[in-house]
PDB file of N, CA and C in Angstrom:
ATOM      1  N   MET A   1      77.225 109.100 123.234  1.00  0.00           N
ATOM      2  CA  MET A   1      77.334 108.373 124.470  1.00  0.00           C
ATOM      3  C   MET A   1      76.526 109.108 125.534  1.00  0.00           C
ATOM      4  N   ILE A   2      75.751 108.362 126.294  1.00  0.00           N
ATOM      5  CA  ILE A   2      74.938 108.922 127.362  1.00  0.00           C
ATOM      6  C   ILE A   2      75.325 108.239 128.667  1.00  0.00           C
ATOM      7  N   TYR A   3      75.502 109.025 129.711  1.00  0.00           N
ATOM      8  CA  TYR A   3      75.786 108.478 131.032  1.00  0.00           C
ATOM      9  C   TYR A   3      74.460 108.254 131.729  1.00  0.00           C
ATOM     10  N   GLY A   4      74.175 107.023 132.108  1.00  0.00           N
ATOM     11  CA  GLY A   4      72.867 106.689 132.651  1.00  0.00           C
ATOM     12  C   GLY A   4      72.052 106.015 131.567  1.00  0.00           C
ATOM     13  N   GLN A   5      70.862 105.608 131.899  1.00  0.00           N
ATOM     14  CA  GLN A   5      70.016 104.904 130.947  1.00  0.00           C
ATOM     15  C   GLN A   5      68.827 105.776 130.584  1.00  0.00           C
ATOM     16  N   VAL A   6      68.664 106.047 129.297  1.00  0.00           N
ATOM     17  CA  VAL A   6      67.573 106.879 128.808  1.00  0.00           C
ATOM     18  C   VAL A   6      67.000 106.229 127.560  1.00  0.00           C
ATOM     19  N   HIS A   7      65.680 106.123 127.516  1.00  0.00           N
ATOM     20  CA  HIS A   7      64.995 105.615 126.327  1.00  0.00           C
ATOM     21  C   HIS A   7      63.963 106.656 125.914  1.00  0.00           C
ATOM     22  N   ILE A   8      64.050 107.100 124.668  1.00  0.00           N
ATOM     23  CA  ILE A   8      63.133 108.114 124.158  1.00  0.00           C
ATOM     24  C   ILE A   8      62.348 107.501 123.010  1.00  0.00           C
ATOM     25  N   ASP A   9      61.024 107.474 123.136  1.00  0.00           N
ATOM     26  CA  ASP A   9      60.182 107.032 122.024  1.00  0.00           C
ATOM     27  C   ASP A   9      59.246 108.176 121.640  1.00  0.00           C
ATOM     28  N   GLU A  10      58.213 107.906 120.884  1.00  0.00           N
ATOM     29  CA  GLU A  10      57.341 108.972 120.386  1.00  0.00           C
ATOM     30  C   GLU A  10      56.471 109.598 121.464  1.00  0.00           C
ATOM     31  N   GLN A  11      56.267 108.913 122.588  1.00  0.00           N
ATOM     32  CA  GLN A  11      55.340 109.408 123.599  1.00  0.00           C
ATOM     33  C   GLN A  11      55.984 109.753 124.927  1.00  0.00           C
ATOM     34  N   ALA A  12      57.134 109.155 125.265  1.00  0.00           N
ATOM     35  CA  ALA A  12      57.683 109.347 126.604  1.00  0.00           C
ATOM     36  C   ALA A  12      59.204 109.297 126.597  1.00  0.00           C
ATOM     37  N   VAL A  13      59.778 109.907 127.638  1.00  0.00           N
ATOM     38  CA  VAL A  13      61.196 109.795 127.946  1.00  0.00           C
ATOM     39  C   VAL A  13      61.283 108.943 129.199  1.00  0.00           C
ATOM     40  N   SER A  14      61.984 107.818 129.117  1.00  0.00           N
ATOM     41  CA  SER A  14      62.081 106.904 130.253  1.00  0.00           C
ATOM     42  C   SER A  14      63.521 106.835 130.726  1.00  0.00           C
ATOM     43  N   THR A  15      63.728 107.100 132.014  1.00  0.00           N
ATOM     44  CA  THR A  15      65.033 106.925 132.629  1.00  0.00           C
ATOM     45  C   THR A  15      64.997 105.648 133.444  1.00  0.00           C
ATOM     46  N   HIS A  16      66.071 105.379 134.187  1.00  0.00           N
ATOM     47  CA  HIS A  16      66.097 104.153 134.970  1.00  0.00           C
ATOM     48  C   HIS A  16      65.130 104.193 136.149  1.00  0.00           C
ATOM     49  N   ARG A  17      64.597 105.349 136.488  1.00  0.00           N
ATOM     50  CA  ARG A  17      63.646 105.453 137.599  1.00  0.00           C
ATOM     51  C   ARG A  17      62.248 105.885 137.183  1.00  0.00           C
ATOM     52  N   ASP A  18      62.140 106.833 136.260  1.00  0.00           N
ATOM     53  CA  ASP A  18      60.860 107.475 135.965  1.00  0.00           C
ATOM     54  C   ASP A  18      60.621 107.564 134.465  1.00  0.00           C
ATOM     55  N   SER A  19      59.362 107.850 134.119  1.00  0.00           N
ATOM     56  CA  SER A  19      58.978 108.136 132.736  1.00  0.00           C
ATOM     57  C   SER A  19      58.254 109.476 132.697  1.00  0.00           C
ATOM     58  N   TYR A  20      58.497 110.245 131.638  1.00  0.00           N
ATOM     59  CA  TYR A  20      57.899 111.568 131.475  1.00  0.00           C
ATOM     60  C   TYR A  20      57.246 111.628 130.106  1.00  0.00           C
ATOM     61  N   MET A  21      56.019 112.091 130.056  1.00  0.00           N
ATOM     62  CA  MET A  21      55.274 112.187 128.801  1.00  0.00           C
ATOM     63  C   MET A  21      55.778 113.385 127.992  1.00  0.00           C
ATOM     64  N   LEU A  22      56.038 113.184 126.725  1.00  0.00           N
ATOM     65  CA  LEU A  22      56.592 114.241 125.880  1.00  0.00           C
ATOM     66  C   LEU A  22      55.602 115.357 125.578  1.00  0.00           C
ATOM     67  N   ASP A  23      54.306 115.069 125.602  1.00  0.00           N
ATOM     68  CA  ASP A  23      53.338 116.123 125.291  1.00  0.00           C
ATOM     69  C   ASP A  23      53.252 117.179 126.389  1.00  0.00           C
ATOM     70  N   GLN A  24      53.822 116.914 127.568  1.00  0.00           N
ATOM     71  CA  GLN A  24      53.803 117.873 128.669  1.00  0.00           C
ATOM     72  C   GLN A  24      55.050 118.751 128.698  1.00  0.00           C
ATOM     73  N   LEU A  25      56.019 118.485 127.835  1.00  0.00           N
ATOM     74  CA  LEU A  25      57.263 119.253 127.828  1.00  0.00           C
ATOM     75  C   LEU A  25      57.094 120.531 127.025  1.00  0.00           C
ATOM     76  N   SER A  26      57.642 121.619 127.551  1.00  0.00           N
ATOM     77  CA  SER A  26      57.552 122.884 126.837  1.00  0.00           C
ATOM     78  C   SER A  26      58.859 123.237 126.135  1.00  0.00           C
ATOM     79  N   VAL A  27      60.003 122.853 126.700  1.00  0.00           N
ATOM     80  CA  VAL A  27      61.303 123.175 126.107  1.00  0.00           C
ATOM     81  C   VAL A  27      62.224 121.964 126.235  1.00  0.00           C
ATOM     82  N   VAL A  28      62.899 121.630 125.154  1.00  0.00           N
ATOM     83  CA  VAL A  28      63.944 120.604 125.163  1.00  0.00           C
ATOM     84  C   VAL A  28      65.197 121.265 124.615  1.00  0.00           C
ATOM     85  N   SER A  29      66.263 121.312 125.422  1.00  0.00           N
ATOM     86  CA  SER A  29      67.477 121.988 124.981  1.00  0.00           C
ATOM     87  C   SER A  29      68.699 121.197 125.412  1.00  0.00           C
ATOM     88  N   THR A  30      69.797 121.421 124.713  1.00  0.00           N
ATOM     89  CA  THR A  30      71.077 120.847 125.102  1.00  0.00           C
ATOM     90  C   THR A  30      72.000 121.981 125.511  1.00  0.00           C
ATOM     91  N   ARG A  31      72.753 121.732 126.556  1.00  0.00           N
ATOM     92  CA  ARG A  31      73.662 122.743 127.106  1.00  0.00           C
ATOM     93  C   ARG A  31      75.036 122.125 127.314  1.00  0.00           C
ATOM     94  N   ARG A  32      76.015 122.976 127.502  1.00  0.00           N
ATOM     95  CA  ARG A  32      77.362 122.561 127.900  1.00  0.00           C
ATOM     96  C   ARG A  32      77.622 123.146 129.288  1.00  0.00           C
ATOM     97  N   PRO A  33      77.214 122.445 130.356  1.00  0.00           N
ATOM     98  CA  PRO A  33      77.287 123.040 131.690  1.00  0.00           C
ATOM     99  C   PRO A  33      78.705 123.184 132.240  1.00  0.00           C
ATOM    100  N   LEU A  34      79.658 122.407 131.747  1.00  0.00           N
ATOM    101  CA  LEU A  34      81.018 122.463 132.280  1.00  0.00           C
ATOM    102  C   LEU A  34      81.936 123.407 131.513  1.00  0.00           C
ATOM    103  N   LEU A  35      81.466 123.960 130.417  1.00  0.00           N
ATOM    104  CA  LEU A  35      82.319 124.799 129.577  1.00  0.00           C
ATOM    105  C   LEU A  35      82.813 126.066 130.284  1.00  0.00           C
ATOM    106  N   PRO A  36      81.993 126.813 131.019  1.00  0.00           N
ATOM    107  CA  PRO A  36      82.534 128.002 131.697  1.00  0.00           C
ATOM    108  C   PRO A  36      83.634 127.669 132.711  1.00  0.00           C
ATOM    109  N   ALA A  37      83.443 126.615 133.496  1.00  0.00           N
ATOM    110  CA  ALA A  37      84.473 126.221 134.463  1.00  0.00           C
ATOM    111  C   ALA A  37      85.730 125.739 133.748  1.00  0.00           C
ATOM    112  N   ALA A  38      85.556 125.051 132.637  1.00  0.00           N
ATOM    113  CA  ALA A  38      86.710 124.583 131.869  1.00  0.00           C
ATOM    114  C   ALA A  38      87.488 125.753 131.278  1.00  0.00           C
ATOM    115  N   MET A  39      86.780 126.772 130.820  1.00  0.00           N
ATOM    116  CA  MET A  39      87.462 127.942 130.267  1.00  0.00           C
ATOM    117  C   MET A  39      88.253 128.678 131.345  1.00  0.00           C
ATOM    118  N   ILE A  40      87.681 128.782 132.528  1.00  0.00           N
ATOM    119  CA  ILE A  40      88.376 129.450 133.629  1.00  0.00           C
ATOM    120  C   ILE A  40      89.609 128.664 134.043  1.00  0.00           C
ATOM    121  N   SER A  41      89.480 127.330 134.145  1.00  0.00           N
ATOM    122  CA  SER A  41      90.635 126.525 134.544  1.00  0.00           C
ATOM    123  C   SER A  41      91.716 126.539 133.465  1.00  0.00           C
ATOM    124  N   THR A  42      91.329 126.570 132.199  1.00  0.00           N
ATOM    125  CA  THR A  42      92.314 126.655 131.121  1.00  0.00           C
ATOM    126  C   THR A  42      93.053 127.986 131.170  1.00  0.00           C
ATOM    127  N   LEU A  43      92.320 129.051 131.396  1.00  0.00           N
ATOM    128  CA  LEU A  43      92.951 130.362 131.519  1.00  0.00           C
ATOM    129  C   LEU A  43      93.889 130.400 132.726  1.00  0.00           C
ATOM    130  N   GLY A  44      93.462 129.803 133.835  1.00  0.00           N
ATOM    131  CA  GLY A  44      94.291 129.784 135.041  1.00  0.00           C
ATOM    132  C   GLY A  44      95.563 128.978 134.867  1.00  0.00           C
ATOM    133  N   THR A  45      95.451 127.785 134.297  1.00  0.00           N
ATOM    134  CA  THR A  45      96.649 126.965 134.120  1.00  0.00           C
ATOM    135  C   THR A  45      97.598 127.581 133.091  1.00  0.00           C
ATOM    136  N   SER A  46      97.053 128.187 132.059  1.00  0.00           N
ATOM    137  CA  SER A  46      97.911 128.841 131.064  1.00  0.00           C
ATOM    138  C   SER A  46      98.636 130.041 131.660  1.00  0.00           C
ATOM    139  N   SER A  47      97.947 130.796 132.504  1.00  0.00           N
ATOM    140  CA  SER A  47      98.603 131.952 133.120  1.00  0.00           C
ATOM    141  C   SER A  47      99.669 131.520 134.120  1.00  0.00           C
ATOM    142  N   VAL A  48      99.454 130.408 134.825  1.00  0.00           N
ATOM    143  CA  VAL A  48     100.486 129.889 135.731  1.00  0.00           C
ATOM    144  C   VAL A  48     101.713 129.479 134.932  1.00  0.00           C
ATOM    145  N   ALA A  49     101.494 128.764 133.832  1.00  0.00           N
ATOM    146  CA  ALA A  49     102.623 128.341 132.998  1.00  0.00           C
ATOM    147  C   ALA A  49     103.364 129.545 132.424  1.00  0.00           C
ATOM    148  N   TYR A  50     102.636 130.576 132.023  1.00  0.00           N
ATOM    149  CA  TYR A  50     103.277 131.764 131.455  1.00  0.00           C
ATOM    150  C   TYR A  50     104.040 132.552 132.516  1.00  0.00           C
ATOM    151  N   ASN A  51     103.429 132.749 133.683  1.00  0.00           N
ATOM    152  CA  ASN A  51     104.057 133.571 134.717  1.00  0.00           C
ATOM    153  C   ASN A  51     105.255 132.897 135.373  1.00  0.00           C
ATOM    154  N   PHE A  52     105.265 131.571 135.414  1.00  0.00           N
ATOM    155  CA  PHE A  52     106.360 130.858 136.065  1.00  0.00           C
ATOM    156  C   PHE A  52     107.226 130.102 135.064  1.00  0.00           C
ATOM    157  N   GLN A  53     107.234 130.540 133.819  1.00  0.00           N
ATOM    158  CA  GLN A  53     107.995 129.826 132.800  1.00  0.00           C
ATOM    159  C   GLN A  53     109.497 129.846 133.064  1.00  0.00           C
ATOM    160  N   ASP A  54     109.989 130.859 133.766  1.00  0.00           N
ATOM    161  CA  ASP A  54     111.412 130.909 134.071  1.00  0.00           C
ATOM    162  C   ASP A  54     111.797 129.936 135.181  1.00  0.00           C
ATOM    163  N   LEU A  55     110.837 129.455 135.969  1.00  0.00           N
ATOM    164  CA  LEU A  55     111.117 128.524 137.059  1.00  0.00           C
ATOM    165  C   LEU A  55     110.765 127.073 136.728  1.00  0.00           C
ATOM    166  N   LEU A  56     109.991 126.862 135.690  1.00  0.00           N
ATOM    167  CA  LEU A  56     109.512 125.523 135.354  1.00  0.00           C
ATOM    168  C   LEU A  56     110.347 124.903 134.237  1.00  0.00           C
ATOM    169  N   TYR A  57     110.458 123.580 134.286  1.00  0.00           N
ATOM    170  CA  TYR A  57     111.081 122.842 133.189  1.00  0.00           C
ATOM    171  C   TYR A  57     110.117 122.804 132.005  1.00  0.00           C
ATOM    172  N   PRO A  58     110.637 122.638 130.799  1.00  0.00           N
ATOM    173  CA  PRO A  58     109.743 122.596 129.626  1.00  0.00           C
ATOM    174  C   PRO A  58     108.681 121.494 129.711  1.00  0.00           C
ATOM    175  N   ASP A  59     109.034 120.340 130.266  1.00  0.00           N
ATOM    176  CA  ASP A  59     108.041 119.271 130.411  1.00  0.00           C
ATOM    177  C   ASP A  59     106.928 119.668 131.376  1.00  0.00           C
ATOM    178  N   GLU A  60     107.266 120.395 132.420  1.00  0.00           N
ATOM    179  CA  GLU A  60     106.241 120.854 133.362  1.00  0.00           C
ATOM    180  C   GLU A  60     105.312 121.871 132.705  1.00  0.00           C
ATOM    181  N   ILE A  61     105.862 122.738 131.888  1.00  0.00           N
ATOM    182  CA  ILE A  61     105.036 123.719 131.176  1.00  0.00           C
ATOM    183  C   ILE A  61     104.089 123.008 130.219  1.00  0.00           C
ATOM    184  N   ARG A  62     104.624 122.025 129.466  1.00  0.00           N
ATOM    185  CA  ARG A  62     103.771 121.266 128.548  1.00  0.00           C
ATOM    186  C   ARG A  62     102.675 120.515 129.298  1.00  0.00           C
ATOM    187  N   PHE A  63     103.003 119.956 130.469  1.00  0.00           N
ATOM    188  CA  PHE A  63     102.007 119.234 131.258  1.00  0.00           C
ATOM    189  C   PHE A  63     100.902 120.176 131.738  1.00  0.00           C
ATOM    190  N   ILE A  64     101.279 121.342 132.240  1.00  0.00           N
ATOM    191  CA  ILE A  64     100.287 122.302 132.736  1.00  0.00           C
ATOM    192  C   ILE A  64      99.377 122.768 131.598  1.00  0.00           C
ATOM    193  N   ILE A  65      99.956 123.061 130.457  1.00  0.00           N
ATOM    194  CA  ILE A  65      99.142 123.478 129.312  1.00  0.00           C
ATOM    195  C   ILE A  65      98.272 122.322 128.832  1.00  0.00           C
ATOM    196  N   GLY A  66      98.795 121.097 128.875  1.00  0.00           N
ATOM    197  CA  GLY A  66      98.009 119.922 128.489  1.00  0.00           C
ATOM    198  C   GLY A  66      96.811 119.699 129.388  1.00  0.00           C
ATOM    199  N   VAL A  67      96.982 119.927 130.685  1.00  0.00           N
ATOM    200  CA  VAL A  67      95.853 119.811 131.616  1.00  0.00           C
ATOM    201  C   VAL A  67      94.784 120.846 131.278  1.00  0.00           C
ATOM    202  N   GLY A  68      95.200 122.049 130.973  1.00  0.00           N
ATOM    203  CA  GLY A  68      94.238 123.086 130.593  1.00  0.00           C
ATOM    204  C   GLY A  68      93.498 122.754 129.310  1.00  0.00           C
ATOM    205  N   ILE A  69      94.214 122.228 128.327  1.00  0.00           N
ATOM    206  CA  ILE A  69      93.569 121.855 127.064  1.00  0.00           C
ATOM    207  C   ILE A  69      92.614 120.690 127.273  1.00  0.00           C
ATOM    208  N   ALA A  70      93.008 119.709 128.101  1.00  0.00           N
ATOM    209  CA  ALA A  70      92.121 118.577 128.388  1.00  0.00           C
ATOM    210  C   ALA A  70      90.844 119.043 129.084  1.00  0.00           C
ATOM    211  N   ALA A  71      90.972 119.989 130.006  1.00  0.00           N
ATOM    212  CA  ALA A  71      89.783 120.524 130.679  1.00  0.00           C
ATOM    213  C   ALA A  71      88.880 121.245 129.686  1.00  0.00           C
ATOM    214  N   LEU A  72      89.473 122.008 128.785  1.00  0.00           N
ATOM    215  CA  LEU A  72      88.683 122.733 127.787  1.00  0.00           C
ATOM    216  C   LEU A  72      87.964 121.774 126.838  1.00  0.00           C
ATOM    217  N   LEU A  73      88.647 120.728 126.399  1.00  0.00           N
ATOM    218  CA  LEU A  73      88.011 119.743 125.519  1.00  0.00           C
ATOM    219  C   LEU A  73      86.893 118.997 126.239  1.00  0.00           C
ATOM    220  N   GLY A  74      87.128 118.651 127.509  1.00  0.00           N
ATOM    221  CA  GLY A  74      86.078 117.989 128.283  1.00  0.00           C
ATOM    222  C   GLY A  74      84.856 118.876 128.444  1.00  0.00           C
ATOM    223  N   GLY A  75      85.068 120.141 128.732  1.00  0.00           N
ATOM    224  CA  GLY A  75      83.951 121.068 128.861  1.00  0.00           C
ATOM    225  C   GLY A  75      83.221 121.293 127.552  1.00  0.00           C
ATOM    226  N   PHE A  76      83.942 121.194 126.438  1.00  0.00           N
ATOM    227  CA  PHE A  76      83.321 121.396 125.131  1.00  0.00           C
ATOM    228  C   PHE A  76      82.491 120.189 124.706  1.00  0.00           C
ATOM    229  N   PHE A  77      82.962 118.984 125.009  1.00  0.00           N
ATOM    230  CA  PHE A  77      82.293 117.783 124.513  1.00  0.00           C
ATOM    231  C   PHE A  77      81.230 117.225 125.446  1.00  0.00           C
ATOM    232  N   ILE A  78      81.266 117.531 126.736  1.00  0.00           N
ATOM    233  CA  ILE A  78      80.260 117.010 127.665  1.00  0.00           C
ATOM    234  C   ILE A  78      79.038 117.918 127.632  1.00  0.00           C
ATOM    235  N   GLY A  79      77.877 117.317 127.451  1.00  0.00           N
ATOM    236  CA  GLY A  79      76.638 118.084 127.348  1.00  0.00           C
ATOM    237  C   GLY A  79      75.571 117.569 128.286  1.00  0.00           C
ATOM    238  N   GLN A  80      74.492 118.322 128.373  1.00  0.00           N
ATOM    239  CA  GLN A  80      73.356 117.991 129.235  1.00  0.00           C
ATOM    240  C   GLN A  80      72.078 118.235 128.444  1.00  0.00           C
ATOM    241  N   LEU A  81      71.203 117.231 128.434  1.00  0.00           N
ATOM    242  CA  LEU A  81      69.895 117.374 127.797  1.00  0.00           C
ATOM    243  C   LEU A  81      68.929 117.866 128.856  1.00  0.00           C
ATOM    244  N   LYS A  82      68.336 119.024 128.616  1.00  0.00           N
ATOM    245  CA  LYS A  82      67.471 119.655 129.603  1.00  0.00           C
ATOM    246  C   LYS A  82      66.039 119.658 129.096  1.00  0.00           C
ATOM    247  N   LEU A  83      65.131 119.113 129.903  1.00  0.00           N
ATOM    248  CA  LEU A  83      63.710 119.059 129.577  1.00  0.00           C
ATOM    249  C   LEU A  83      62.968 119.939 130.568  1.00  0.00           C
ATOM    250  N   LEU A  84      62.239 120.934 130.072  1.00  0.00           N
ATOM    251  CA  LEU A  84      61.553 121.872 130.955  1.00  0.00           C
ATOM    252  C   LEU A  84      60.044 121.786 130.778  1.00  0.00           C
ATOM    253  N   SER A  85      59.351 121.816 131.909  1.00  0.00           N
ATOM    254  CA  SER A  85      57.899 121.783 131.933  1.00  0.00           C
ATOM    255  C   SER A  85      57.456 122.192 133.329  1.00  0.00           C
ATOM    256  N   ARG A  86      56.222 122.631 133.452  1.00  0.00           N
ATOM    257  CA  ARG A  86      55.696 122.935 134.786  1.00  0.00           C
ATOM    258  C   ARG A  86      55.625 121.677 135.640  1.00  0.00           C
ATOM    259  N   ASP A  87      55.327 120.541 135.023  1.00  0.00           N
ATOM    260  CA  ASP A  87      55.199 119.296 135.771  1.00  0.00           C
ATOM    261  C   ASP A  87      56.537 118.747 136.247  1.00  0.00           C
ATOM    262  N   LEU A  88      57.639 119.142 135.594  1.00  0.00           N
ATOM    263  CA  LEU A  88      58.954 118.625 135.954  1.00  0.00           C
ATOM    264  C   LEU A  88      59.706 119.529 136.919  1.00  0.00           C
ATOM    265  N   ARG A  89      59.091 120.576 137.406  1.00  0.00           N
ATOM    266  CA  ARG A  89      59.773 121.508 138.292  1.00  0.00           C
ATOM    267  C   ARG A  89      60.254 120.781 139.546  1.00  0.00           C
ATOM    268  N   GLY A  90      61.527 120.885 139.843  1.00  0.00           N
ATOM    269  CA  GLY A  90      62.105 120.217 141.000  1.00  0.00           C
ATOM    270  C   GLY A  90      62.491 118.773 140.737  1.00  0.00           C
ATOM    271  N   SER A  91      62.323 118.306 139.519  1.00  0.00           N
ATOM    272  CA  SER A  91      62.655 116.926 139.178  1.00  0.00           C
ATOM    273  C   SER A  91      64.157 116.790 138.969  1.00  0.00           C
ATOM    274  N   GLU A  92      64.668 115.587 139.125  1.00  0.00           N
ATOM    275  CA  GLU A  92      66.082 115.359 138.893  1.00  0.00           C
ATOM    276  C   GLU A  92      66.360 114.880 137.475  1.00  0.00           C
ATOM    277  N   LEU A  93      65.400 114.972 136.586  1.00  0.00           N
ATOM    278  CA  LEU A  93      65.587 114.512 135.213  1.00  0.00           C
ATOM    279  C   LEU A  93      66.673 115.303 134.496  1.00  0.00           C
ATOM    280  N   THR A  94      66.775 116.591 134.752  1.00  0.00           N
ATOM    281  CA  THR A  94      67.760 117.389 134.031  1.00  0.00           C
ATOM    282  C   THR A  94      69.183 117.004 134.401  1.00  0.00           C
ATOM    283  N   SER A  95      69.409 116.475 135.585  1.00  0.00           N
ATOM    284  CA  SER A  95      70.763 116.080 135.960  1.00  0.00           C
ATOM    285  C   SER A  95      71.062 114.638 135.596  1.00  0.00           C
ATOM    286  N   VAL A  96      70.078 113.905 135.097  1.00  0.00           N
ATOM    287  CA  VAL A  96      70.275 112.501 134.768  1.00  0.00           C
ATOM    288  C   VAL A  96      70.841 112.339 133.365  1.00  0.00           C
ATOM    289  N   ILE A  97      70.427 113.153 132.429  1.00  0.00           N
ATOM    290  CA  ILE A  97      70.785 112.943 131.030  1.00  0.00           C
ATOM    291  C   ILE A  97      72.038 113.752 130.701  1.00  0.00           C
ATOM    292  N   LEU A  98      73.188 113.144 130.935  1.00  0.00           N
ATOM    293  CA  LEU A  98      74.478 113.722 130.582  1.00  0.00           C
ATOM    294  C   LEU A  98      75.125 112.831 129.536  1.00  0.00           C
ATOM    295  N   GLY A  99      75.853 113.428 128.628  1.00  0.00           N
ATOM    296  CA  GLY A  99      76.542 112.659 127.597  1.00  0.00           C
ATOM    297  C   GLY A  99      77.343 113.581 126.710  1.00  0.00           C
ATOM    298  N   THR A 100      77.757 113.074 125.567  1.00  0.00           N
ATOM    299  CA  THR A 100      78.476 113.933 124.637  1.00  0.00           C
ATOM    300  C   THR A 100      77.486 114.897 123.991  1.00  0.00           C
ATOM    301  N   TYR A 101      77.922 116.117 123.796  1.00  0.00           N
ATOM    302  CA  TYR A 101      77.033 117.174 123.325  1.00  0.00           C
ATOM    303  C   TYR A 101      76.437 116.844 121.960  1.00  0.00           C
ATOM    304  N   GLY A 102      77.237 116.328 121.053  1.00  0.00           N
ATOM    305  CA  GLY A 102      76.741 116.019 119.720  1.00  0.00           C
ATOM    306  C   GLY A 102      75.666 114.944 119.733  1.00  0.00           C
ATOM    307  N   HIS A 103      75.869 113.904 120.540  1.00  0.00           N
ATOM    308  CA  HIS A 103      74.876 112.825 120.624  1.00  0.00           C
ATOM    309  C   HIS A 103      73.567 113.341 121.214  1.00  0.00           C
ATOM    310  N   LEU A 104      73.651 114.113 122.280  1.00  0.00           N
ATOM    311  CA  LEU A 104      72.439 114.647 122.907  1.00  0.00           C
ATOM    312  C   LEU A 104      71.716 115.616 121.979  1.00  0.00           C
ATOM    313  N   ASN A 105      72.460 116.370 121.194  1.00  0.00           N
ATOM    314  CA  ASN A 105      71.835 117.306 120.260  1.00  0.00           C
ATOM    315  C   ASN A 105      71.103 116.556 119.148  1.00  0.00           C
ATOM    316  N   ARG A 106      71.653 115.423 118.693  1.00  0.00           N
ATOM    317  CA  ARG A 106      70.954 114.601 117.701  1.00  0.00           C
ATOM    318  C   ARG A 106      69.685 114.007 118.290  1.00  0.00           C
ATOM    319  N   ILE A 107      69.704 113.592 119.549  1.00  0.00           N
ATOM    320  CA  ILE A 107      68.514 113.047 120.210  1.00  0.00           C
ATOM    321  C   ILE A 107      67.447 114.122 120.350  1.00  0.00           C
ATOM    322  N   ARG A 108      67.860 115.330 120.670  1.00  0.00           N
ATOM    323  CA  ARG A 108      66.918 116.432 120.873  1.00  0.00           C
ATOM    324  C   ARG A 108      66.108 116.698 119.611  1.00  0.00           C
ATOM    325  N   ARG A 109      66.698 116.568 118.463  1.00  0.00           N
ATOM    326  CA  ARG A 109      66.012 116.860 117.207  1.00  0.00           C
ATOM    327  C   ARG A 109      65.145 115.706 116.834  1.00  0.00           C
TER     328      ARG A 109
END
């Protein structure tokens, strides 16, 4: 699944606004940009649940841990396709192609 509209053929990458020639690209990579923030929030919510377990109801503890796990899964599955080139410096193309990490990684290859 890709958020936004992207069409990739043998010669160009076309978004809903612009087209970029593939022969000018030097690096194509997929990243997980939300994973570090998700890991921090999961650690934070888990530590809150652990430190206040004597004051919280069991359902509240499960909810807090569930929020942390949901954040971690979201950070793991959301990916970004990054295209690097001298011609694309300052372009918004890298922030346009967001989707599931596995799908973007298959497109990259």
